[in-house]
Protein backbone atom coordinates (compact mmCIF):
# COMPACT_ATOMS: atom_id res chain seq x y z
CA MET A 1 -0.03 0.00 0.17
CA LYS A 2 1.36 3.54 -0.83
CA ILE A 3 -0.06 7.02 -0.19
CA THR A 4 -0.97 8.62 -3.42
CA GLU A 5 -2.00 12.01 -2.37
CA MET A 6 -2.48 14.11 0.60
CA ARG A 7 -4.51 16.70 1.27
CA VAL A 8 -5.06 19.89 3.05
CA THR A 9 -7.95 22.00 4.43
CA PRO A 10 -8.23 24.76 6.52
CA ILE A 11 -11.54 25.31 8.40
CA ALA A 12 -13.25 28.04 10.45
CA ILE A 13 -15.51 27.36 13.20
CA SER A 14 -17.85 29.97 14.56
CA ASP A 15 -17.42 30.51 18.31
CA PRO A 16 -18.80 32.45 20.86
CA PRO A 17 -16.63 35.14 22.78
CA LEU A 18 -15.45 32.90 25.68
CA LEU A 19 -13.01 34.30 28.27
CA ASN A 20 -9.43 32.55 29.86
CA ALA A 21 -6.56 33.30 30.91
CA ALA A 22 -5.55 34.53 27.61
CA GLY A 23 -8.15 37.10 26.66
CA LEU A 24 -11.02 36.76 24.57
CA HIS A 25 -11.63 34.35 21.56
CA ALA A 26 -11.57 35.06 18.34
CA PRO A 27 -15.04 34.87 16.66
CA TYR A 28 -13.25 31.54 14.67
CA ALA A 29 -11.94 28.33 16.04
CA LEU A 30 -9.67 27.42 13.16
CA ARG A 31 -8.85 23.53 12.30
CA THR A 32 -6.80 22.08 9.62
CA ILE A 33 -7.90 18.65 7.87
CA VAL A 34 -5.75 16.36 6.46
CA GLU A 35 -6.82 13.21 3.92
CA ILE A 36 -4.92 10.63 2.94
CA VAL A 37 -5.81 8.41 0.16
CA SER A 38 -3.90 5.41 -0.50
CA ASP A 39 -3.28 3.56 -4.41
CA ASP A 40 -6.58 1.59 -3.62
CA ASN A 41 -8.58 4.70 -2.36
CA VAL A 42 -8.83 4.03 1.30
CA TYR A 43 -8.31 7.26 3.11
CA GLY A 44 -7.79 8.51 6.76
CA LEU A 45 -8.41 11.38 8.55
CA GLY A 46 -6.67 13.56 10.84
CA GLU A 47 -7.15 16.94 12.36
CA VAL A 48 -5.22 19.72 14.17
CA PRO A 49 -5.33 23.35 15.46
CA GLY A 50 -5.04 25.47 12.62
CA SER A 51 -2.73 28.39 11.96
CA ALA A 52 -1.26 29.52 9.02
CA ALA A 53 1.73 28.27 9.91
CA THR A 54 0.75 24.97 10.76
CA THR A 55 -1.71 24.73 7.23
CA GLN A 56 2.01 25.68 5.17
CA ALA A 57 3.95 23.32 7.19
CA LEU A 58 1.04 20.41 6.22
CA GLU A 59 1.63 21.53 2.03
CA ALA A 60 5.16 21.49 2.83
CA ALA A 61 4.27 18.18 4.38
CA ARG A 62 2.71 16.41 1.24
CA GLU A 63 6.16 15.72 -0.61
CA VAL A 64 7.45 13.98 2.44
CA VAL A 65 4.29 11.78 2.86
CA VAL A 66 2.65 11.26 -1.14
CA GLY A 67 5.01 7.78 -1.46
CA LYS A 68 4.93 5.87 1.62
CA ASP A 69 3.59 3.18 2.90
CA PRO A 70 0.82 4.25 5.50
CA TYR A 71 1.83 1.59 7.69
CA GLN A 72 5.52 2.83 8.08
CA LEU A 73 4.93 5.09 10.81
CA ASN A 74 8.82 5.24 12.28
CA ALA A 75 9.93 5.93 9.19
CA ILE A 76 7.66 8.72 8.15
CA ARG A 77 8.51 10.20 11.48
CA THR A 78 11.96 10.26 11.32
CA GLU A 79 11.49 12.41 7.83
CA LEU A 80 8.88 14.85 8.93
CA GLU A 81 11.35 14.98 12.21
CA ALA A 82 14.97 16.01 9.43
CA ARG A 83 12.18 17.74 7.20
CA PHE A 84 11.10 20.45 10.05
CA GLY A 85 13.20 19.76 13.41
CA LYS A 86 12.47 18.09 16.42
CA ASP A 87 10.39 20.86 18.71
CA GLU A 88 11.90 21.96 22.42
CA SER A 89 8.71 20.51 24.94
CA ALA A 90 9.07 23.65 26.88
CA ALA A 91 7.49 25.50 24.15
CA ARG A 92 4.50 24.07 24.78
CA GLY A 93 3.89 25.49 28.36
CA GLU A 94 4.03 29.34 27.29
CA SER A 95 1.00 29.63 25.83
CA PRO A 96 -2.92 27.90 26.31
CA TRP A 97 -2.80 27.15 23.24
CA ASP A 98 0.08 24.86 21.78
CA ARG A 99 2.23 26.72 19.40
CA ARG A 100 4.27 24.07 18.12
CA VAL A 101 4.46 23.11 14.24
CA HIS A 102 6.12 19.48 14.24
CA VAL A 103 4.26 17.95 16.70
CA HIS A 104 1.08 18.95 14.81
CA VAL A 105 2.90 18.67 11.48
CA ALA A 106 3.61 15.01 12.93
CA SER A 107 0.10 14.56 14.77
CA ALA A 108 -2.26 14.88 11.84
CA VAL A 109 -0.44 12.59 9.49
CA GLU A 110 0.30 9.73 12.30
CA VAL A 111 -3.88 9.92 12.64
CA ALA A 112 -4.71 10.02 9.33
CA CYS A 113 -2.36 6.68 8.82
CA PHE A 114 -3.76 5.34 11.79
CA ASP A 115 -7.53 6.09 10.09
CA LEU A 116 -6.18 4.81 6.67
CA ILE A 117 -4.70 1.67 8.06
CA GLY A 118 -8.23 0.79 10.56
CA LYS A 119 -10.52 1.22 7.25
CA ALA A 120 -8.23 -1.27 4.99
CA THR A 121 -8.02 -3.54 8.02
CA GLY A 122 -11.25 -3.21 9.05
CA ARG A 123 -10.50 -3.16 12.58
CA PRO A 124 -10.66 -0.18 15.37
CA VAL A 125 -7.58 1.87 15.71
CA CYS A 126 -7.64 0.67 19.24
CA ASP A 127 -7.06 -2.04 18.15
CA LEU A 128 -3.34 -1.09 15.90
CA LEU A 129 -2.56 0.35 19.57
CA GLY A 130 -2.60 -2.83 21.64
CA GLY A 131 -6.19 -3.40 22.27
CA ARG A 132 -9.56 -1.51 24.28
CA VAL A 133 -9.04 -1.35 27.82
CA ARG A 134 -12.91 0.06 27.72
CA ASP A 135 -15.99 -0.37 25.60
CA ARG A 136 -16.79 3.42 26.57
CA VAL A 137 -14.73 6.78 27.91
CA GLU A 138 -17.36 9.37 29.21
CA PHE A 139 -16.48 13.17 28.35
CA SER A 140 -17.20 16.19 30.03
CA ALA A 141 -19.37 19.20 30.13
CA TYR A 142 -16.34 22.00 29.02
CA LEU A 143 -17.43 25.40 30.36
CA PHE A 144 -15.52 28.98 30.30
CA TYR A 145 -16.90 32.16 31.02
CA LYS A 146 -18.33 34.41 28.18
CA TYR A 147 -20.01 37.45 27.67
CA GLU A 148 -22.81 37.43 24.99
CA GLY A 149 -22.43 36.40 21.45
CA ALA A 150 -22.83 34.07 19.14
CA GLY A 151 -19.37 34.21 17.22
CA GLY A 152 -18.60 34.11 13.87
CA ALA A 153 -20.46 36.39 11.57
CA LEU A 154 -22.72 37.43 14.46
CA GLY A 155 -19.86 38.03 16.47
CA PHE A 156 -20.87 39.52 19.83
CA GLY A 157 -24.28 38.94 18.45
CA THR A 158 -27.22 36.74 19.02
CA ASP A 159 -29.51 34.64 16.39
CA PRO A 160 -33.19 34.98 17.95
CA ALA A 161 -34.15 31.69 16.01
CA ALA A 162 -32.15 29.43 17.45
CA THR A 163 -33.04 26.95 20.06
CA GLY A 164 -31.93 24.47 22.66
CA TRP A 165 -28.36 24.41 23.33
CA ALA A 166 -27.51 26.97 20.63
CA ALA A 167 -29.18 29.47 22.49
CA ALA A 168 -27.86 28.58 25.35
CA ARG A 169 -24.47 28.83 24.46
CA GLN A 170 -25.11 32.62 23.15
CA LYS A 171 -26.05 33.88 26.28
CA ALA A 172 -23.54 35.75 28.68
CA ALA A 173 -21.76 33.54 31.96
CA LEU A 174 -19.37 36.12 33.67
CA ASP A 175 -20.98 34.98 37.25
CA PRO A 176 -21.84 31.99 39.14
CA ASP A 177 -25.40 32.22 38.17
CA GLY A 178 -24.09 32.43 34.65
CA VAL A 179 -22.17 29.36 34.95
CA VAL A 180 -24.26 27.71 36.45
CA ALA A 181 -26.94 28.13 33.98
CA GLN A 182 -24.24 27.50 30.82
CA ALA A 183 -23.50 24.20 32.93
CA ARG A 184 -27.04 23.12 32.97
CA ALA A 185 -27.92 23.34 29.83
CA MET A 186 -24.70 22.08 28.24
CA CYS A 187 -25.73 18.72 31.10
CA ASP A 188 -29.35 18.32 29.71
CA GLU A 189 -28.30 19.00 26.16
CA PHE A 190 -25.42 16.33 26.37
CA GLY A 191 -25.54 14.06 29.13
CA PHE A 192 -22.22 14.59 30.91
CA ARG A 193 -21.90 13.93 34.30
CA SER A 194 -18.83 15.84 34.77
CA ILE A 195 -18.04 19.43 34.45
CA LYS A 196 -14.90 21.61 33.74
CA LEU A 197 -14.30 25.29 34.19
CA LYS A 198 -11.50 27.33 32.13
CA GLY A 199 -10.81 29.25 34.82
CA GLY A 200 -8.05 32.41 34.69
CA ALA A 201 -10.41 34.94 33.76
CA PHE A 202 -11.44 36.16 36.83
CA PRO A 203 -9.88 36.77 40.29
CA PRO A 204 -9.16 33.90 41.98
CA ASP A 205 -12.61 34.08 44.85
CA GLN A 206 -14.69 34.72 41.83
CA GLU A 207 -13.94 31.57 40.04
CA ALA A 208 -13.88 29.35 44.00
CA ALA A 209 -17.18 30.91 44.09
CA ALA A 210 -18.50 29.61 41.01
CA MET A 211 -17.10 26.04 41.49
CA ILE A 212 -18.73 25.93 45.09
CA ALA A 213 -22.02 27.09 43.08
CA LEU A 214 -21.86 24.42 40.69
CA ARG A 215 -21.28 21.79 43.57
CA ASP A 216 -24.70 23.29 45.44
CA SER A 217 -26.36 23.08 42.38
CA PHE A 218 -25.21 19.90 40.87
CA GLY A 219 -24.75 17.77 44.30
CA GLU A 220 -21.45 16.14 44.96
CA GLY A 221 -22.08 13.21 43.48
CA THR A 222 -20.73 15.03 40.01
CA PRO A 223 -17.29 15.50 40.13
CA LEU A 224 -15.99 19.03 39.13
CA ARG A 225 -12.45 20.03 37.94
CA LEU A 226 -11.16 23.75 37.48
CA ASP A 227 -8.15 25.16 34.60
CA PRO A 228 -7.14 28.38 35.39
CA ASN A 229 -3.84 27.96 33.04
CA ALA A 230 -1.29 28.63 35.11
CA LEU A 231 -1.67 31.97 36.28
CA TRP A 232 -2.02 31.42 40.19
CA LYS A 233 0.99 32.70 42.29
CA VAL A 234 1.80 28.93 44.47
CA GLU A 235 0.36 31.09 48.14
CA THR A 236 -2.94 31.41 45.90
CA ALA A 237 -3.36 28.19 44.47
CA ILE A 238 -2.73 26.65 48.17
CA ALA A 239 -5.37 29.66 49.23
CA VAL A 240 -7.99 28.19 46.33
CA GLY A 241 -6.81 24.61 46.83
CA ARG A 242 -7.85 24.59 50.56
CA GLN A 243 -10.68 26.29 49.98
CA LEU A 244 -11.98 23.60 47.28
CA HIS A 245 -10.97 21.00 49.51
CA GLY A 246 -13.33 18.52 49.19
CA VAL A 247 -15.77 19.82 45.84
CA LEU A 248 -13.28 19.82 42.96
CA GLU A 249 -12.61 16.13 41.58
CA TYR A 250 -9.11 17.44 40.64
CA LEU A 251 -7.37 21.27 39.89
CA GLU A 252 -6.29 21.90 36.73
CA ASP A 253 -2.39 23.63 36.09
CA PRO A 254 -2.93 26.27 38.62
CA VAL A 255 0.78 27.23 38.48
CA ARG A 256 3.65 27.42 35.63
CA GLY A 257 6.34 24.95 35.94
CA GLN A 258 7.06 21.40 37.47
CA GLU A 259 8.16 22.68 41.10
CA ASN A 260 5.74 25.03 41.29
CA MET A 261 3.13 22.52 40.76
CA ALA A 262 5.31 20.21 43.23
CA ALA A 263 5.24 22.84 45.75
CA VAL A 264 1.16 22.82 45.78
CA ALA A 265 0.58 19.24 45.35
CA ARG A 266 2.89 19.29 48.81
CA GLU A 267 0.12 21.74 50.61
CA LEU A 268 -3.41 19.76 49.52
CA GLU A 269 -4.98 16.95 49.56
CA THR A 270 -6.57 17.70 46.51
CA PRO A 271 -5.26 16.68 43.02
CA LEU A 272 -3.48 18.08 40.19
CA ALA A 273 -3.45 17.53 36.79
CA THR A 274 -1.60 19.12 33.99
CA ASN A 275 -1.46 19.83 30.36
CA MET A 276 0.95 22.24 30.24
CA CYS A 277 3.83 21.83 32.75
CA THR A 278 4.55 17.87 31.88
CA THR A 279 4.11 17.20 28.08
CA SER A 280 6.79 15.48 26.79
CA PHE A 281 8.76 12.15 27.75
CA ASP A 282 11.46 14.67 28.30
CA ASP A 283 9.51 16.17 31.32
CA ILE A 284 8.82 12.77 32.64
CA PRO A 285 11.69 12.45 34.73
CA GLY A 286 11.30 15.80 36.78
CA SER A 287 7.95 14.64 37.00
CA VAL A 288 8.17 12.02 39.03
CA ARG A 289 10.92 13.23 40.58
CA LEU A 290 8.87 15.99 42.17
CA ALA A 291 5.72 14.47 42.03
CA SER A 292 3.86 17.63 40.49
CA GLU A 293 0.71 16.25 39.88
CA HIS A 294 -1.21 13.17 39.71
CA ILE A 295 -3.15 13.46 36.70
C-alpha cells in the first residue's frame, strides 16, 4: 500500500466570545483537516489546531508523505522530523495553546495513517494500538466564562431563532449564576456527568465561588474540575485549593512549571492535573522526581 494523495484543508468554525487566561477568543476557531489517500482508494483523516504556519507546514509535508507506506510510521515520523526539526518540549507550556509546528504536522499525518490502516484492515484504531481497555469513555462538560454572543459572523450578536444548546451558548456567563446556567444547559443537552470550568479569567475568589455554586447545584456526585491555565501564584493556588477541598475532583495547572506545581501538591489533598508543565517524554523524569502532578 502506498499513499498517493494528501489533501490539506483549513477550516474555520464559529466560536463564541469565550474568556480565558490569554484573553478573548476570536470569532472563529481554526482547525486543519488532513486527508491521506492510498493507491487502493482508501482514505484516512487527521485533524489538528489550525494556523497559517501549520497549514503551510502540512502543505510542505506532502512531498514527504506521498509515496510512503502508511504502515511505516516510524520512517515517516523520522523524515518529517528531519524536514521540520524537533520541537522543544518547553515550547508547549508558554500559552494555553500549543504553538509547536512539528508536533501538529506529525500528529495530523499519524492519525490519518492510523485511520487509513483501520479502514483498510476493517479494525478499529484501538486494536492497532494494542486493544481496547474499556468500551466507553465519558466526556466532561467544558465551561467557559463568556460575553453574550454567538461568534462567527454574528460576533457579539445573537441568533434569535436558535434553540436548545445553540441558544444557551449565546448567553453571557460572567458570574456563578451564569456559569451554572451554562452547565445546566450543556448537561441537559448532551448528558455530561462531570464538569470542567476554564478559569484564569477573573480573580481566583470569584472562580472558586463559581465552583461552589456548581457543587451546590449539581451535588457531590458530579465531579468538578477547575483549570486557570497556570495563571496563579503558588500561595494563591494553595489557598484556593484548600478552600475547594472536597469540591474539586482535581485542580488543573494552577501554577506554571513542575517545581511550582510540586510546591502546591505538597500542601493540598486535592489531586493536581496538567497539560502544560509535563507535555513530553523529556518532562516525565522531573514529574516523577518532584511529584508535581497526579493526572
